[in-house]
Protein backbone atom coordinates (compact mmCIF):
# COMPACT_ATOMS: atom_id res chain seq x y z
CA MET A 1 -9.86 -68.32 -50.56
CA ARG A 2 -8.53 -71.52 -49.12
CA ARG A 3 -5.49 -71.80 -51.44
CA THR A 4 -4.37 -68.10 -50.47
CA LEU A 5 -4.94 -68.72 -46.76
CA ALA A 6 -3.09 -71.93 -46.86
CA MET A 7 0.06 -70.53 -48.79
CA MET A 8 0.01 -67.52 -47.07
CA ALA A 9 0.21 -68.97 -43.46
CA ALA A 10 3.25 -70.87 -44.30
CA LEU A 11 4.91 -67.77 -45.95
CA LEU A 12 4.02 -65.67 -42.93
CA GLY A 13 5.31 -68.31 -40.78
CA ALA A 14 8.62 -68.09 -42.52
CA SER A 15 8.65 -64.30 -41.97
CA CYS A 16 7.55 -64.41 -38.25
CA ALA A 17 10.82 -66.76 -37.98
CA MET A 18 12.82 -63.18 -37.26
CA ALA A 19 10.36 -62.49 -34.41
CA GLN A 20 10.83 -66.05 -32.88
CA GLY A 21 14.62 -65.75 -33.46
CA THR A 22 14.49 -62.47 -31.44
CA THR A 23 12.40 -63.86 -28.67
CA SER A 24 14.54 -66.93 -28.10
CA LYS A 25 17.64 -65.29 -26.79
CA THR A 26 19.18 -61.78 -26.18
CA PRO A 27 22.58 -61.49 -27.85
CA THR A 28 24.00 -57.94 -27.05
CA SER A 29 26.05 -56.07 -29.69
CA ALA A 30 29.63 -54.78 -29.43
CA GLN A 31 28.79 -51.92 -27.13
CA GLY A 32 27.40 -54.62 -24.85
CA SER A 33 23.65 -53.50 -24.02
CA GLN A 34 21.26 -53.67 -27.16
CA PRO A 35 19.64 -57.27 -27.79
CA SER A 36 19.23 -57.87 -31.81
CA ALA A 37 17.31 -60.38 -33.72
CA ALA A 38 20.38 -62.62 -34.27
CA ALA A 39 23.75 -63.18 -32.86
CA ALA A 40 25.62 -63.29 -36.41
CA ALA A 41 25.04 -60.47 -38.70
CA PRO A 42 23.25 -61.80 -42.15
CA ALA A 43 23.33 -60.21 -45.58
CA GLN A 44 19.99 -58.58 -45.07
CA HIS A 45 19.13 -56.41 -42.03
CA GLN A 46 17.06 -57.81 -39.37
CA PRO A 47 14.80 -56.06 -36.92
CA GLN A 48 16.41 -55.11 -33.99
CA ALA A 49 15.19 -54.02 -30.26
CA LYS A 50 17.09 -50.86 -29.00
CA SER A 51 16.81 -51.53 -25.24
CA LYS A 52 15.82 -54.05 -23.13
CA ASP A 53 12.58 -52.76 -22.05
CA GLU A 54 11.51 -52.54 -26.01
CA TYR A 55 12.89 -56.40 -26.19
CA ASP A 56 10.94 -57.42 -23.20
CA ALA A 57 7.75 -55.62 -24.21
CA TYR A 58 7.94 -57.42 -27.53
CA ASN A 59 8.53 -60.79 -26.10
CA LEU A 60 5.63 -60.28 -24.00
CA ALA A 61 3.27 -59.19 -26.85
CA ALA A 62 4.43 -61.79 -29.23
CA SER A 63 3.62 -64.57 -26.74
CA LYS A 64 0.06 -63.90 -27.23
CA SER A 65 -1.71 -66.69 -29.03
CA ASP A 66 -5.23 -65.36 -29.36
CA PRO A 67 -5.15 -63.02 -32.44
CA ALA A 68 -7.44 -60.47 -31.14
CA GLN A 69 -4.93 -60.07 -27.78
CA LEU A 70 -1.99 -59.87 -30.28
CA GLU A 71 -3.16 -57.33 -32.20
CA ALA A 72 -4.15 -55.30 -28.94
CA ALA A 73 -0.62 -55.99 -27.87
CA ALA A 74 0.78 -55.05 -30.94
CA ASP A 75 -1.00 -51.58 -30.84
CA ASP A 76 0.06 -51.00 -27.19
CA PHE A 77 3.73 -51.86 -28.28
CA ALA A 78 3.54 -49.52 -31.25
CA GLN A 79 2.30 -46.76 -29.15
CA LYS A 80 4.87 -47.27 -26.57
CA PHE A 81 7.63 -47.77 -29.08
CA PRO A 82 6.67 -45.90 -32.15
CA ASN A 83 10.17 -46.13 -33.62
CA SER A 84 10.60 -49.63 -33.17
CA GLU A 85 11.70 -51.90 -36.05
CA LEU A 86 9.70 -54.89 -34.27
CA LYS A 87 6.04 -53.17 -34.77
CA GLU A 88 5.80 -54.82 -38.31
CA LEU A 89 6.48 -58.33 -37.26
CA LEU A 90 3.86 -58.13 -34.47
CA TYR A 91 0.98 -57.07 -36.78
CA VAL A 92 2.28 -59.48 -39.23
CA ARG A 93 1.94 -62.27 -36.68
CA ALA A 94 -1.59 -60.85 -35.86
CA MET A 95 -2.45 -61.15 -39.39
CA ASN A 96 -1.31 -64.83 -39.83
CA SER A 97 -3.30 -65.54 -36.75
CA TYR A 98 -6.50 -64.22 -38.33
CA GLN A 99 -5.61 -66.13 -41.59
CA GLN A 100 -5.71 -69.13 -39.56
CA GLN A 101 -9.20 -68.33 -38.56
CA ASN A 102 -9.95 -67.27 -42.10
CA ASN A 103 -11.21 -63.83 -40.92
CA SER A 104 -10.93 -61.82 -43.89
CA ALA A 105 -12.07 -58.55 -42.27
CA LYS A 106 -9.22 -58.76 -39.68
CA ILE A 107 -6.34 -59.69 -41.92
CA VAL A 108 -7.16 -56.89 -43.78
CA ALA A 109 -7.36 -54.62 -40.56
CA ALA A 110 -3.96 -56.16 -39.21
CA GLY A 111 -2.24 -56.03 -42.63
CA ARG A 112 -3.01 -52.42 -43.23
CA LYS A 113 -1.28 -51.85 -39.98
CA ALA A 114 1.61 -53.77 -41.19
CA ILE A 115 1.62 -52.07 -44.47
CA GLU A 116 1.85 -48.57 -43.06
CA VAL A 117 4.89 -49.53 -41.10
CA ASN A 118 6.49 -50.95 -44.16
CA PRO A 119 4.67 -50.27 -47.71
CA THR A 120 7.32 -52.35 -49.44
CA ASN A 121 6.97 -55.92 -47.47
CA PRO A 122 4.99 -58.22 -50.03
CA VAL A 123 3.64 -60.47 -47.68
CA PRO A 124 1.04 -58.21 -46.09
CA LEU A 125 0.65 -56.58 -49.31
CA VAL A 126 -0.63 -59.84 -50.77
CA ALA A 127 -2.58 -60.88 -47.81
CA VAL A 128 -4.76 -57.73 -47.54
CA ALA A 129 -5.18 -57.56 -51.63
CA SER A 130 -6.34 -61.18 -51.58
CA ALA A 131 -8.51 -60.88 -48.57
CA LEU A 132 -10.22 -57.73 -49.82
CA VAL A 133 -11.17 -59.17 -53.12
CA MET A 134 -12.33 -62.35 -51.84
CA ASP A 135 -14.40 -60.65 -49.32
CA THR A 136 -15.96 -58.15 -51.75
CA ARG A 137 -19.47 -58.44 -53.17
CA GLU A 138 -21.13 -56.88 -56.46
CA THR A 139 -23.61 -54.96 -54.27
CA ASP A 140 -20.85 -53.56 -51.72
CA ILE A 141 -21.25 -49.67 -51.55
CA ASP A 142 -17.25 -49.67 -51.22
CA ARG A 143 -16.76 -52.03 -54.09
CA ASP A 144 -14.60 -49.97 -56.39
CA ALA A 145 -12.58 -48.77 -53.50
CA ARG A 146 -11.88 -51.85 -52.04
CA TYR A 147 -10.82 -52.98 -55.60
CA VAL A 148 -8.66 -49.91 -56.13
CA GLU A 149 -6.86 -50.60 -52.74
CA ALA A 150 -6.58 -54.43 -53.97
CA SER A 151 -4.89 -53.88 -57.20
CA LYS A 152 -2.66 -51.33 -55.83
CA ASP A 153 -1.39 -53.49 -53.05
CA ALA A 154 -1.11 -56.53 -55.54
CA GLN A 155 1.03 -54.53 -57.92
CA ALA A 156 3.08 -53.24 -55.04
CA ALA A 157 3.84 -56.84 -53.96
CA LEU A 158 4.67 -57.61 -57.49
CA ASP A 159 7.05 -54.61 -57.56
CA ASN A 160 8.73 -55.25 -54.39
CA VAL A 161 8.82 -58.97 -53.95
CA ASP A 162 12.61 -59.19 -54.79
CA THR A 163 13.60 -56.59 -52.56
CA GLY A 164 11.09 -56.15 -49.90
CA LEU A 165 10.60 -59.44 -48.90
CA GLU A 166 12.04 -60.14 -45.32
CA VAL A 167 14.07 -63.35 -45.37
CA PRO A 168 15.07 -64.66 -41.94
CA PRO A 169 18.69 -65.86 -41.83
CA GLY A 170 19.68 -69.26 -42.96
CA ILE A 171 16.62 -69.88 -45.28
CA PRO A 172 17.65 -72.03 -48.33
CA PRO A 173 17.76 -70.35 -51.47
CA GLN A 174 14.89 -72.64 -53.29
CA GLN A 175 12.72 -72.01 -50.41
CA VAL A 176 13.14 -68.27 -50.83
CA ALA A 177 12.42 -68.65 -54.51
CA ALA A 178 9.46 -70.87 -53.89
CA ALA A 179 7.96 -68.31 -51.26
CA LYS A 180 8.56 -65.48 -53.88
CA ALA A 181 6.69 -67.48 -56.65
CA ASN A 182 3.93 -68.19 -54.30
CA LEU A 183 3.49 -64.33 -53.67
CA ARG A 184 3.57 -63.39 -57.20
CA SER A 185 0.90 -66.32 -58.31
CA ILE A 186 -1.45 -64.95 -55.39
CA ALA A 187 -1.07 -61.24 -56.51
CA TYR A 188 -1.56 -62.31 -60.26
CA ASP A 189 -4.42 -64.43 -59.15
CA THR A 190 -5.93 -61.33 -57.05
CA LEU A 191 -5.57 -59.15 -59.95
CA GLY A 192 -7.27 -61.73 -62.22
CA VAL A 193 -10.27 -61.86 -60.08
CA ILE A 194 -10.65 -58.10 -60.23
CA ALA A 195 -10.47 -58.03 -63.73
CA MET A 196 -12.96 -60.63 -64.19
CA ASN A 197 -15.30 -58.92 -61.72
CA LYS A 198 -15.11 -55.93 -63.99
CA LYS A 199 -15.74 -58.29 -67.03
CA ASP A 200 -12.39 -57.54 -68.52
CA TYR A 201 -11.90 -61.09 -69.51
CA ALA A 202 -8.69 -60.66 -71.42
CA ALA A 203 -6.91 -59.11 -68.52
CA ALA A 204 -8.39 -61.71 -66.31
CA GLU A 205 -7.00 -64.35 -68.48
CA GLN A 206 -3.39 -63.01 -68.91
CA ASN A 207 -3.23 -62.65 -64.88
CA PHE A 208 -5.07 -66.32 -64.46
CA GLN A 209 -2.33 -67.67 -66.82
CA LYS A 210 0.71 -65.85 -65.09
CA ALA A 211 -0.62 -67.10 -61.70
CA ALA A 212 -1.07 -70.68 -63.12
CA ASP A 213 2.50 -70.78 -64.85
CA LEU A 214 4.14 -69.54 -61.36
CA MET A 215 2.69 -72.69 -59.82
CA LYS A 216 3.21 -75.41 -62.21
CA ASP A 217 5.08 -77.33 -59.48
CA GLN A 218 2.18 -77.12 -57.13
CA PRO A 219 -0.77 -76.50 -59.49
CA ASP A 220 -4.23 -74.83 -57.87
CA ALA A 221 -7.53 -76.09 -59.37
CA VAL A 222 -9.22 -72.74 -58.37
CA VAL A 223 -6.78 -70.95 -60.75
CA TYR A 224 -7.49 -73.28 -63.66
CA LEU A 225 -11.06 -73.13 -63.01
CA ARG A 226 -11.12 -69.19 -62.97
CA LEU A 227 -8.97 -69.30 -66.11
CA SER A 228 -11.30 -71.38 -67.94
CA VAL A 229 -14.18 -69.28 -66.88
CA ALA A 230 -12.42 -66.07 -68.24
CA GLN A 231 -11.61 -68.09 -71.66
CA ASP A 232 -14.97 -69.27 -71.73
CA ASN A 233 -16.16 -65.74 -71.86
CA GLU A 234 -13.77 -64.65 -74.54
CA LYS A 235 -15.32 -67.79 -76.63
CA LYS A 236 -11.89 -69.34 -76.44
CA TYR A 237 -13.58 -72.84 -75.98
CA PRO A 238 -10.56 -75.41 -76.57
CA GLU A 239 -8.34 -73.56 -74.28
CA ALA A 240 -11.08 -73.07 -71.83
CA LEU A 241 -11.80 -76.79 -71.81
CA ASP A 242 -8.28 -77.49 -71.40
CA SER A 243 -7.94 -75.14 -68.35
CA ALA A 244 -11.28 -77.02 -67.01
CA ASN A 245 -9.45 -80.29 -67.65
CA LYS A 246 -6.69 -79.30 -65.38
CA ALA A 247 -8.95 -78.02 -62.55
CA VAL A 248 -10.74 -81.30 -62.82
CA GLN A 249 -7.40 -83.19 -62.49
CA TYR A 250 -5.91 -81.08 -59.78
CA ALA A 251 -9.01 -80.41 -57.43
CA GLN A 252 -9.34 -82.65 -54.53
CA GLU A 253 -11.95 -85.33 -54.73
CA GLY A 254 -15.24 -84.23 -53.33
CA SER A 255 -14.53 -80.63 -52.93
CA ALA A 256 -16.71 -77.82 -54.05
CA GLU A 257 -13.93 -76.93 -56.70
CA LYS A 258 -14.15 -80.35 -58.07
CA ASN A 259 -17.77 -80.37 -58.66
CA LEU A 260 -17.70 -76.95 -60.10
CA ALA A 261 -14.66 -77.93 -62.57
CA LYS A 262 -16.73 -80.94 -63.63
CA GLN A 263 -19.63 -78.91 -64.46
CA GLN A 264 -17.45 -76.50 -66.54
CA GLN A 265 -15.72 -79.42 -68.02
CA ALA A 266 -19.19 -81.06 -69.16
CA ARG A 267 -20.41 -77.54 -70.22
CA LEU A 268 -17.60 -76.97 -72.60
CA GLN A 269 -17.47 -80.69 -73.84
CA LYS A 270 -21.30 -80.41 -74.93
CA LEU A 271 -20.75 -76.72 -76.25
CA ILE A 272 -17.61 -77.97 -78.53
CA SER A 273 -19.48 -80.94 -79.71
CA GLU A 274 -22.57 -78.76 -80.79
CA LYS A 275 -20.72 -76.19 -82.30
CA ALA A 276 -18.64 -78.79 -84.47
CA THR A 277 -22.27 -79.83 -85.97
CA SER A 278 -24.06 -76.66 -86.06
CA ASN A 279 -23.16 -72.63 -86.38
CA SER A 280 -25.82 -71.77 -83.67
CA PRO A 281 -24.60 -69.74 -80.36
CA PRO A 282 -24.35 -71.59 -77.62
CA ALA A 283 -27.53 -72.87 -75.64
CA THR A 284 -26.12 -71.59 -72.27
CA PRO A 285 -23.92 -68.84 -70.94
CA PRO A 286 -20.74 -69.45 -69.40
CA PRO A 287 -20.88 -69.66 -65.46
CA PRO A 288 -20.55 -66.07 -63.96
CA THR A 289 -18.49 -66.61 -61.03
CA THR A 290 -15.63 -69.01 -59.60
CA PRO A 291 -15.25 -69.97 -56.05
CA HIS A 292 -13.85 -67.70 -53.42
């Protein structure tokens, strides 16, 4: 899903600022020997290297630009420094790099490693949940297991977004609030897709509505299109048309989302018009899927 990848790339970039800060200089503690992530002690604990060897090894691993090499370097670093606080940052960097390539399978693989290190960081939790859902098909033999994992991760992200988001020092409060809203929106959208695919349209509508409400300043056409389809399946045709109208309004001209939104809009307009003059059931079923 392009919205998720774009938003998460920005969020992960913010999370990785701590890593960049760690590699930019090597401040020492009062004892005079251990480099840390920042010279001044912020309110939130920042990951720290416990030795110069650990710091140098992290610096070398973080310098990798190829995501596969970065993930391999993170694995080597984790093996050499199993108790390091910096392992998570490397895996999140690798996950971010894979997101820039839209490589869902690798996003999941690297994200799972970050979650294993820190199961309360909402960034990899949301990234893994979204990638799992968007990469799962009806015919996958592990479909249910993937949905269970994605649901668990998305809910964990919602439960921990206020306390688990690792915020680099100096980030303005409004930017932190926007990041948290983005994370919550993606988590709710992911739960909505799972509910939709399970044909629980009431739950899907609730989750898509929450996702849309969180992003009113940056509305997403795909979320409104999914909301419209959920409402359509519930036979809430006026509400579905309103959501489809918003999807058309916010979708980029010429995009697949714009075309699908216009099709949904036209279908609902025709259906409502026919129902106004007849009590017969709709001639065509609602669209079964929405874009990833």
